[in-house]
Amino acid sequence: MFYIKINQMDKKYTKTITIIELPTFARNTQIQIFLEDRIINQFMVNPAEEFLEGQVNYTIRLIDDVFAKEAYIEKEKSY
């Protein structure tokens, strides 16, 4: 779901986004999303479609925030 949403967006990210699925106790799964070597979001999978959509949108906002902060820092360094 995350890859589909990212690929449908007009903007492209210049860093590597990695998604790792880890098995946990019972039949649950934990999803970890990394931007380069930094963990951006992690959550336990919930079969509700609304939950997964919310996590995808939240993660995209977090990634956008990281890029905005880095752009701001680069801009400030040029002064």
PDB file of N, CA and C in Angstrom:
ATOM      1  N   MET A   1       0.825  -1.184   0.000  1.00  0.00           N
ATOM      2  CA  MET A   1       0.000   0.000   0.000  1.00  0.00           C
ATOM      3  C   MET A   1       0.875   1.256   0.000  1.00  0.00           C
ATOM      4  N   PHE A   2       1.960   1.227   0.779  1.00  0.00           N
ATOM      5  CA  PHE A   2       2.843   2.384   0.871  1.00  0.00           C
ATOM      6  C   PHE A   2       3.514   2.654  -0.475  1.00  0.00           C
ATOM      7  N   TYR A   3       4.042   1.610  -1.106  1.00  0.00           N
ATOM      8  CA  TYR A   3       4.706   1.778  -2.390  1.00  0.00           C
ATOM      9  C   TYR A   3       3.744   2.303  -3.448  1.00  0.00           C
ATOM     10  N   ILE A   4       2.535   1.828  -3.440  1.00  0.00           N
ATOM     11  CA  ILE A   4       1.546   2.295  -4.409  1.00  0.00           C
ATOM     12  C   ILE A   4       1.297   3.784  -4.231  1.00  0.00           C
ATOM     13  N   LYS A   5       1.109   4.211  -3.002  1.00  0.00           N
ATOM     14  CA  LYS A   5       0.841   5.624  -2.715  1.00  0.00           C
ATOM     15  C   LYS A   5       2.028   6.504  -3.119  1.00  0.00           C
ATOM     16  N   ILE A   6       3.239   6.074  -2.768  1.00  0.00           N
ATOM     17  CA  ILE A   6       4.441   6.838  -3.110  1.00  0.00           C
ATOM     18  C   ILE A   6       4.592   6.953  -4.632  1.00  0.00           C
ATOM     19  N   ASN A   7       4.370   5.866  -5.354  1.00  0.00           N
ATOM     20  CA  ASN A   7       4.532   5.887  -6.805  1.00  0.00           C
ATOM     21  C   ASN A   7       3.460   6.705  -7.512  1.00  0.00           C
ATOM     22  N   GLN A   8       2.307   6.897  -6.909  1.00  0.00           N
ATOM     23  CA  GLN A   8       1.242   7.693  -7.504  1.00  0.00           C
ATOM     24  C   GLN A   8       1.418   9.184  -7.268  1.00  0.00           C
ATOM     25  N   MET A   9       2.317   9.548  -6.367  1.00  0.00           N
ATOM     26  CA  MET A   9       2.527  10.956  -6.047  1.00  0.00           C
ATOM     27  C   MET A   9       3.358  11.632  -7.138  1.00  0.00           C
ATOM     28  N   ASP A  10       3.137  12.941  -7.315  1.00  0.00           N
ATOM     29  CA  ASP A  10       3.908  13.703  -8.286  1.00  0.00           C
ATOM     30  C   ASP A  10       5.330  13.940  -7.809  1.00  0.00           C
ATOM     31  N   LYS A  11       5.509  14.118  -6.506  1.00  0.00           N
ATOM     32  CA  LYS A  11       6.853  14.382  -5.990  1.00  0.00           C
ATOM     33  C   LYS A  11       7.620  13.082  -5.827  1.00  0.00           C
ATOM     34  N   LYS A  12       8.928  13.195  -6.008  1.00  0.00           N
ATOM     35  CA  LYS A  12       9.816  12.050  -5.837  1.00  0.00           C
ATOM     36  C   LYS A  12      10.819  12.381  -4.746  1.00  0.00           C
ATOM     37  N   TYR A  13      11.181  11.389  -3.980  1.00  0.00           N
ATOM     38  CA  TYR A  13      12.130  11.567  -2.888  1.00  0.00           C
ATOM     39  C   TYR A  13      13.531  11.182  -3.352  1.00  0.00           C
ATOM     40  N   THR A  14      14.522  11.893  -2.850  1.00  0.00           N
ATOM     41  CA  THR A  14      15.902  11.675  -3.277  1.00  0.00           C
ATOM     42  C   THR A  14      16.672  10.744  -2.346  1.00  0.00           C
ATOM     43  N   LYS A  15      16.017  10.222  -1.355  1.00  0.00           N
ATOM     44  CA  LYS A  15      16.658   9.288  -0.425  1.00  0.00           C
ATOM     45  C   LYS A  15      15.955   7.936  -0.501  1.00  0.00           C
ATOM     46  N   THR A  16      16.656   6.923  -0.048  1.00  0.00           N
ATOM     47  CA  THR A  16      16.117   5.570  -0.081  1.00  0.00           C
ATOM     48  C   THR A  16      15.127   5.356   1.058  1.00  0.00           C
ATOM     49  N   ILE A  17      13.957   4.847   0.711  1.00  0.00           N
ATOM     50  CA  ILE A  17      12.935   4.489   1.690  1.00  0.00           C
ATOM     51  C   ILE A  17      12.877   2.966   1.739  1.00  0.00           C
ATOM     52  N   THR A  18      13.045   2.421   2.939  1.00  0.00           N
ATOM     53  CA  THR A  18      13.051   0.971   3.120  1.00  0.00           C
ATOM     54  C   THR A  18      11.909   0.572   4.039  1.00  0.00           C
ATOM     55  N   ILE A  19      11.198  -0.473   3.647  1.00  0.00           N
ATOM     56  CA  ILE A  19      10.111  -1.009   4.472  1.00  0.00           C
ATOM     57  C   ILE A  19      10.496  -2.426   4.882  1.00  0.00           C
ATOM     58  N   ILE A  20      10.466  -2.664   6.180  1.00  0.00           N
ATOM     59  CA  ILE A  20      10.812  -3.982   6.718  1.00  0.00           C
ATOM     60  C   ILE A  20       9.598  -4.533   7.461  1.00  0.00           C
ATOM     61  N   GLU A  21       9.303  -5.776   7.177  1.00  0.00           N
ATOM     62  CA  GLU A  21       8.197  -6.466   7.849  1.00  0.00           C
ATOM     63  C   GLU A  21       8.797  -7.516   8.772  1.00  0.00           C
ATOM     64  N   LEU A  22       8.529  -7.366  10.068  1.00  0.00           N
ATOM     65  CA  LEU A  22       9.086  -8.280  11.062  1.00  0.00           C
ATOM     66  C   LEU A  22       7.978  -9.115  11.705  1.00  0.00           C
ATOM     67  N   PRO A  23       8.154 -10.414  11.774  1.00  0.00           N
ATOM     68  CA  PRO A  23       7.170 -11.223  12.502  1.00  0.00           C
ATOM     69  C   PRO A  23       7.309 -10.975  13.995  1.00  0.00           C
ATOM     70  N   THR A  24       6.207 -10.969  14.685  1.00  0.00           N
ATOM     71  CA  THR A  24       6.208 -10.805  16.137  1.00  0.00           C
ATOM     72  C   THR A  24       5.446 -11.975  16.743  1.00  0.00           C
ATOM     73  N   PHE A  25       5.070 -11.846  18.001  1.00  0.00           N
ATOM     74  CA  PHE A  25       4.380 -12.939  18.675  1.00  0.00           C
ATOM     75  C   PHE A  25       3.031 -13.241  18.006  1.00  0.00           C
ATOM     76  N   ALA A  26       2.606 -14.463  18.163  1.00  0.00           N
ATOM     77  CA  ALA A  26       1.361 -14.968  17.557  1.00  0.00           C
ATOM     78  C   ALA A  26       1.462 -14.805  16.035  1.00  0.00           C
ATOM     79  N   ARG A  27       0.432 -14.237  15.423  1.00  0.00           N
ATOM     80  CA  ARG A  27       0.435 -14.060  13.969  1.00  0.00           C
ATOM     81  C   ARG A  27       0.499 -12.588  13.591  1.00  0.00           C
ATOM     82  N   ASN A  28       1.022 -11.767  14.467  1.00  0.00           N
ATOM     83  CA  ASN A  28       1.130 -10.333  14.197  1.00  0.00           C
ATOM     84  C   ASN A  28       2.397 -10.017  13.424  1.00  0.00           C
ATOM     85  N   THR A  29       2.400  -8.839  12.833  1.00  0.00           N
ATOM     86  CA  THR A  29       3.547  -8.360  12.077  1.00  0.00           C
ATOM     87  C   THR A  29       3.806  -6.913  12.438  1.00  0.00           C
ATOM     88  N   GLN A  30       5.071  -6.560  12.523  1.00  0.00           N
ATOM     89  CA  GLN A  30       5.445  -5.176  12.762  1.00  0.00           C
ATOM     90  C   GLN A  30       6.059  -4.626  11.477  1.00  0.00           C
ATOM     91  N   ILE A  31       5.657  -3.425  11.099  1.00  0.00           N
ATOM     92  CA  ILE A  31       6.195  -2.743   9.929  1.00  0.00           C
ATOM     93  C   ILE A  31       7.109  -1.628  10.411  1.00  0.00           C
ATOM     94  N   GLN A  32       8.312  -1.576   9.842  1.00  0.00           N
ATOM     95  CA  GLN A  32       9.254  -0.494  10.130  1.00  0.00           C
ATOM     96  C   GLN A  32       9.577   0.197   8.814  1.00  0.00           C
ATOM     97  N   ILE A  33       9.527   1.526   8.830  1.00  0.00           N
ATOM     98  CA  ILE A  33       9.824   2.306   7.632  1.00  0.00           C
ATOM     99  C   ILE A  33      11.029   3.186   7.936  1.00  0.00           C
ATOM    100  N   PHE A  34      12.068   3.036   7.110  1.00  0.00           N
ATOM    101  CA  PHE A  34      13.313   3.777   7.274  1.00  0.00           C
ATOM    102  C   PHE A  34      13.491   4.759   6.128  1.00  0.00           C
ATOM    103  N   LEU A  35      14.078   5.895   6.433  1.00  0.00           N
ATOM    104  CA  LEU A  35      14.524   6.853   5.435  1.00  0.00           C
ATOM    105  C   LEU A  35      16.041   6.865   5.568  1.00  0.00           C
ATOM    106  N   GLU A  36      16.718   6.280   4.560  1.00  0.00           N
ATOM    107  CA  GLU A  36      18.156   6.014   4.646  1.00  0.00           C
ATOM    108  C   GLU A  36      18.385   5.105   5.852  1.00  0.00           C
ATOM    109  N   ASP A  37      19.123   5.558   6.873  1.00  0.00           N
ATOM    110  CA  ASP A  37      19.401   4.700   8.034  1.00  0.00           C
ATOM    111  C   ASP A  37      18.589   5.089   9.262  1.00  0.00           C
ATOM    112  N   ARG A  38      17.633   5.975   9.088  1.00  0.00           N
ATOM    113  CA  ARG A  38      16.851   6.505  10.216  1.00  0.00           C
ATOM    114  C   ARG A  38      15.420   5.962  10.186  1.00  0.00           C
ATOM    115  N   ILE A  39      14.984   5.408  11.303  1.00  0.00           N
ATOM    116  CA  ILE A  39      13.608   4.888  11.361  1.00  0.00           C
ATOM    117  C   ILE A  39      12.639   6.069  11.429  1.00  0.00           C
ATOM    118  N   ILE A  40      11.652   6.040  10.558  1.00  0.00           N
ATOM    119  CA  ILE A  40      10.666   7.117  10.466  1.00  0.00           C
ATOM    120  C   ILE A  40       9.389   6.743  11.204  1.00  0.00           C
ATOM    121  N   ASN A  41       8.947   5.505  11.027  1.00  0.00           N
ATOM    122  CA  ASN A  41       7.702   5.062  11.658  1.00  0.00           C
ATOM    123  C   ASN A  41       7.747   3.548  11.821  1.00  0.00           C
ATOM    124  N   GLN A  42       7.094   3.063  12.854  1.00  0.00           N
ATOM    125  CA  GLN A  42       6.911   1.625  13.031  1.00  0.00           C
ATOM    126  C   GLN A  42       5.575   1.389  13.706  1.00  0.00           C
ATOM    127  N   PHE A  43       4.926   0.318  13.311  1.00  0.00           N
ATOM    128  CA  PHE A  43       3.610   0.021  13.868  1.00  0.00           C
ATOM    129  C   PHE A  43       3.287  -1.453  13.684  1.00  0.00           C
ATOM    130  N   MET A  44       2.398  -1.930  14.516  1.00  0.00           N
ATOM    131  CA  MET A  44       1.886  -3.291  14.388  1.00  0.00           C
ATOM    132  C   MET A  44       0.766  -3.275  13.351  1.00  0.00           C
ATOM    133  N   VAL A  45       0.763  -4.263  12.490  1.00  0.00           N
ATOM    134  CA  VAL A  45      -0.236  -4.312  11.425  1.00  0.00           C
ATOM    135  C   VAL A  45      -1.606  -4.591  12.017  1.00  0.00           C
ATOM    136  N   ASN A  46      -2.548  -3.827  11.548  1.00  0.00           N
ATOM    137  CA  ASN A  46      -3.948  -3.973  11.912  1.00  0.00           C
ATOM    138  C   ASN A  46      -4.684  -4.205  10.599  1.00  0.00           C
ATOM    139  N   PRO A  47      -5.547  -5.220  10.502  1.00  0.00           N
ATOM    140  CA  PRO A  47      -6.172  -5.526   9.213  1.00  0.00           C
ATOM    141  C   PRO A  47      -7.172  -4.465   8.720  1.00  0.00           C
ATOM    142  N   ALA A  48      -7.503  -3.494   9.547  1.00  0.00           N
ATOM    143  CA  ALA A  48      -8.469  -2.473   9.123  1.00  0.00           C
ATOM    144  C   ALA A  48      -7.834  -1.580   8.057  1.00  0.00           C
ATOM    145  N   GLU A  49      -8.506  -1.447   6.945  1.00  0.00           N
ATOM    146  CA  GLU A  49      -8.032  -0.635   5.827  1.00  0.00           C
ATOM    147  C   GLU A  49      -7.801   0.828   6.235  1.00  0.00           C
ATOM    148  N   GLU A  50      -8.681   1.353   7.071  1.00  0.00           N
ATOM    149  CA  GLU A  50      -8.553   2.749   7.510  1.00  0.00           C
ATOM    150  C   GLU A  50      -7.281   2.954   8.330  1.00  0.00           C
ATOM    151  N   PHE A  51      -6.943   1.979   9.152  1.00  0.00           N
ATOM    152  CA  PHE A  51      -5.724   2.067   9.956  1.00  0.00           C
ATOM    153  C   PHE A  51      -4.494   2.116   9.060  1.00  0.00           C
ATOM    154  N   LEU A  52      -4.434   1.216   8.090  1.00  0.00           N
ATOM    155  CA  LEU A  52      -3.280   1.181   7.197  1.00  0.00           C
ATOM    156  C   LEU A  52      -3.178   2.455   6.368  1.00  0.00           C
ATOM    157  N   GLU A  53      -4.301   2.952   5.863  1.00  0.00           N
ATOM    158  CA  GLU A  53      -4.300   4.221   5.112  1.00  0.00           C
ATOM    159  C   GLU A  53      -3.791   5.352   5.986  1.00  0.00           C
ATOM    160  N   GLY A  54      -4.236   5.386   7.232  1.00  0.00           N
ATOM    161  CA  GLY A  54      -3.796   6.420   8.160  1.00  0.00           C
ATOM    162  C   GLY A  54      -2.300   6.345   8.419  1.00  0.00           C
ATOM    163  N   GLN A  55      -1.760   5.141   8.571  1.00  0.00           N
ATOM    164  CA  GLN A  55      -0.326   4.977   8.794  1.00  0.00           C
ATOM    165  C   GLN A  55       0.484   5.384   7.558  1.00  0.00           C
ATOM    166  N   VAL A  56      -0.024   5.069   6.381  1.00  0.00           N
ATOM    167  CA  VAL A  56       0.655   5.474   5.145  1.00  0.00           C
ATOM    168  C   VAL A  56       0.694   6.997   5.055  1.00  0.00           C
ATOM    169  N   ASN A  57      -0.442   7.642   5.265  1.00  0.00           N
ATOM    170  CA  ASN A  57      -0.497   9.108   5.184  1.00  0.00           C
ATOM    171  C   ASN A  57       0.366   9.762   6.258  1.00  0.00           C
ATOM    172  N   TYR A  58       0.353   9.212   7.459  1.00  0.00           N
ATOM    173  CA  TYR A  58       1.168   9.743   8.550  1.00  0.00           C
ATOM    174  C   TYR A  58       2.657   9.621   8.219  1.00  0.00           C
ATOM    175  N   THR A  59       3.064   8.476   7.684  1.00  0.00           N
ATOM    176  CA  THR A  59       4.462   8.260   7.336  1.00  0.00           C
ATOM    177  C   THR A  59       4.902   9.215   6.235  1.00  0.00           C
ATOM    178  N   ILE A  60       4.062   9.444   5.249  1.00  0.00           N
ATOM    179  CA  ILE A  60       4.397  10.388   4.176  1.00  0.00           C
ATOM    180  C   ILE A  60       4.559  11.792   4.744  1.00  0.00           C
ATOM    181  N   ARG A  61       3.705  12.177   5.681  1.00  0.00           N
ATOM    182  CA  ARG A  61       3.863  13.495   6.321  1.00  0.00           C
ATOM    183  C   ARG A  61       5.177  13.574   7.083  1.00  0.00           C
ATOM    184  N   LEU A  62       5.562  12.499   7.766  1.00  0.00           N
ATOM    185  CA  LEU A  62       6.834  12.476   8.489  1.00  0.00           C
ATOM    186  C   LEU A  62       8.015  12.614   7.522  1.00  0.00           C
ATOM    187  N   ILE A  63       7.961  11.913   6.404  1.00  0.00           N
ATOM    188  CA  ILE A  63       9.032  12.003   5.414  1.00  0.00           C
ATOM    189  C   ILE A  63       9.102  13.410   4.825  1.00  0.00           C
ATOM    190  N   ASP A  64       7.948  13.978   4.504  1.00  0.00           N
ATOM    191  CA  ASP A  64       7.919  15.356   3.998  1.00  0.00           C
ATOM    192  C   ASP A  64       8.514  16.326   5.012  1.00  0.00           C
ATOM    193  N   ASP A  65       8.232  16.093   6.280  1.00  0.00           N
ATOM    194  CA  ASP A  65       8.757  16.951   7.340  1.00  0.00           C
ATOM    195  C   ASP A  65      10.285  16.854   7.418  1.00  0.00           C
ATOM    196  N   VAL A  66      10.813  15.657   7.293  1.00  0.00           N
ATOM    197  CA  VAL A  66      12.269  15.470   7.312  1.00  0.00           C
ATOM    198  C   VAL A  66      12.911  16.238   6.158  1.00  0.00           C
ATOM    199  N   PHE A  67      12.340  16.121   4.961  1.00  0.00           N
ATOM    200  CA  PHE A  67      12.885  16.825   3.806  1.00  0.00           C
ATOM    201  C   PHE A  67      12.763  18.336   3.966  1.00  0.00           C
ATOM    202  N   ALA A  68      11.664  18.803   4.525  1.00  0.00           N
ATOM    203  CA  ALA A  68      11.488  20.245   4.738  1.00  0.00           C
ATOM    204  C   ALA A  68      12.518  20.776   5.733  1.00  0.00           C
ATOM    205  N   LYS A  69      12.756  20.046   6.800  1.00  0.00           N
ATOM    206  CA  LYS A  69      13.745  20.474   7.797  1.00  0.00           C
ATOM    207  C   LYS A  69      15.154  20.476   7.208  1.00  0.00           C
ATOM    208  N   GLU A  70      15.482  19.471   6.431  1.00  0.00           N
ATOM    209  CA  GLU A  70      16.801  19.423   5.807  1.00  0.00           C
ATOM    210  C   GLU A  70      16.982  20.556   4.806  1.00  0.00           C
ATOM    211  N   ALA A  71      15.934  20.874   4.050  1.00  0.00           N
ATOM    212  CA  ALA A  71      16.003  21.984   3.104  1.00  0.00           C
ATOM    213  C   ALA A  71      16.194  23.305   3.845  1.00  0.00           C
ATOM    214  N   TYR A  72      15.514  23.464   4.969  1.00  0.00           N
ATOM    215  CA  TYR A  72      15.649  24.677   5.781  1.00  0.00           C
ATOM    216  C   TYR A  72      17.072  24.818   6.309  1.00  0.00           C
ATOM    217  N   ILE A  73      17.637  23.716   6.782  1.00  0.00           N
ATOM    218  CA  ILE A  73      19.003  23.747   7.306  1.00  0.00           C
ATOM    219  C   ILE A  73      19.987  24.119   6.198  1.00  0.00           C
ATOM    220  N   GLU A  74      19.814  23.528   5.022  1.00  0.00           N
ATOM    221  CA  GLU A  74      20.685  23.853   3.897  1.00  0.00           C
ATOM    222  C   GLU A  74      20.567  25.330   3.519  1.00  0.00           C
ATOM    223  N   LYS A  75      19.362  25.845   3.545  1.00  0.00           N
ATOM    224  CA  LYS A  75      19.130  27.256   3.216  1.00  0.00           C
ATOM    225  C   LYS A  75      19.810  28.150   4.241  1.00  0.00           C
ATOM    226  N   GLU A  76      19.698  27.792   5.516  1.00  0.00           N
ATOM    227  CA  GLU A  76      20.317  28.591   6.581  1.00  0.00           C
ATOM    228  C   GLU A  76      21.845  28.540   6.507  1.00  0.00           C
ATOM    229  N   LYS A  77      22.381  27.408   6.085  1.00  0.00           N
ATOM    230  CA  LYS A  77      23.834  27.285   5.987  1.00  0.00           C
ATOM    231  C   LYS A  77      24.403  28.190   4.894  1.00  0.00           C
ATOM    232  N   SER A  78      23.597  28.517   3.909  1.00  0.00           N
ATOM    233  CA  SER A  78      24.087  29.341   2.801  1.00  0.00           C
ATOM    234  C   SER A  78      24.188  30.811   3.172  1.00  0.00           C
ATOM    235  N   TYR A  79      23.635  31.225   4.312  1.00  0.00           N
ATOM    236  CA  TYR A  79      23.718  32.639   4.709  1.00  0.00           C
ATOM    237  C   TYR A  79      25.006  32.961   5.378  1.00  0.00           C
TER     238      TYR A  79
END
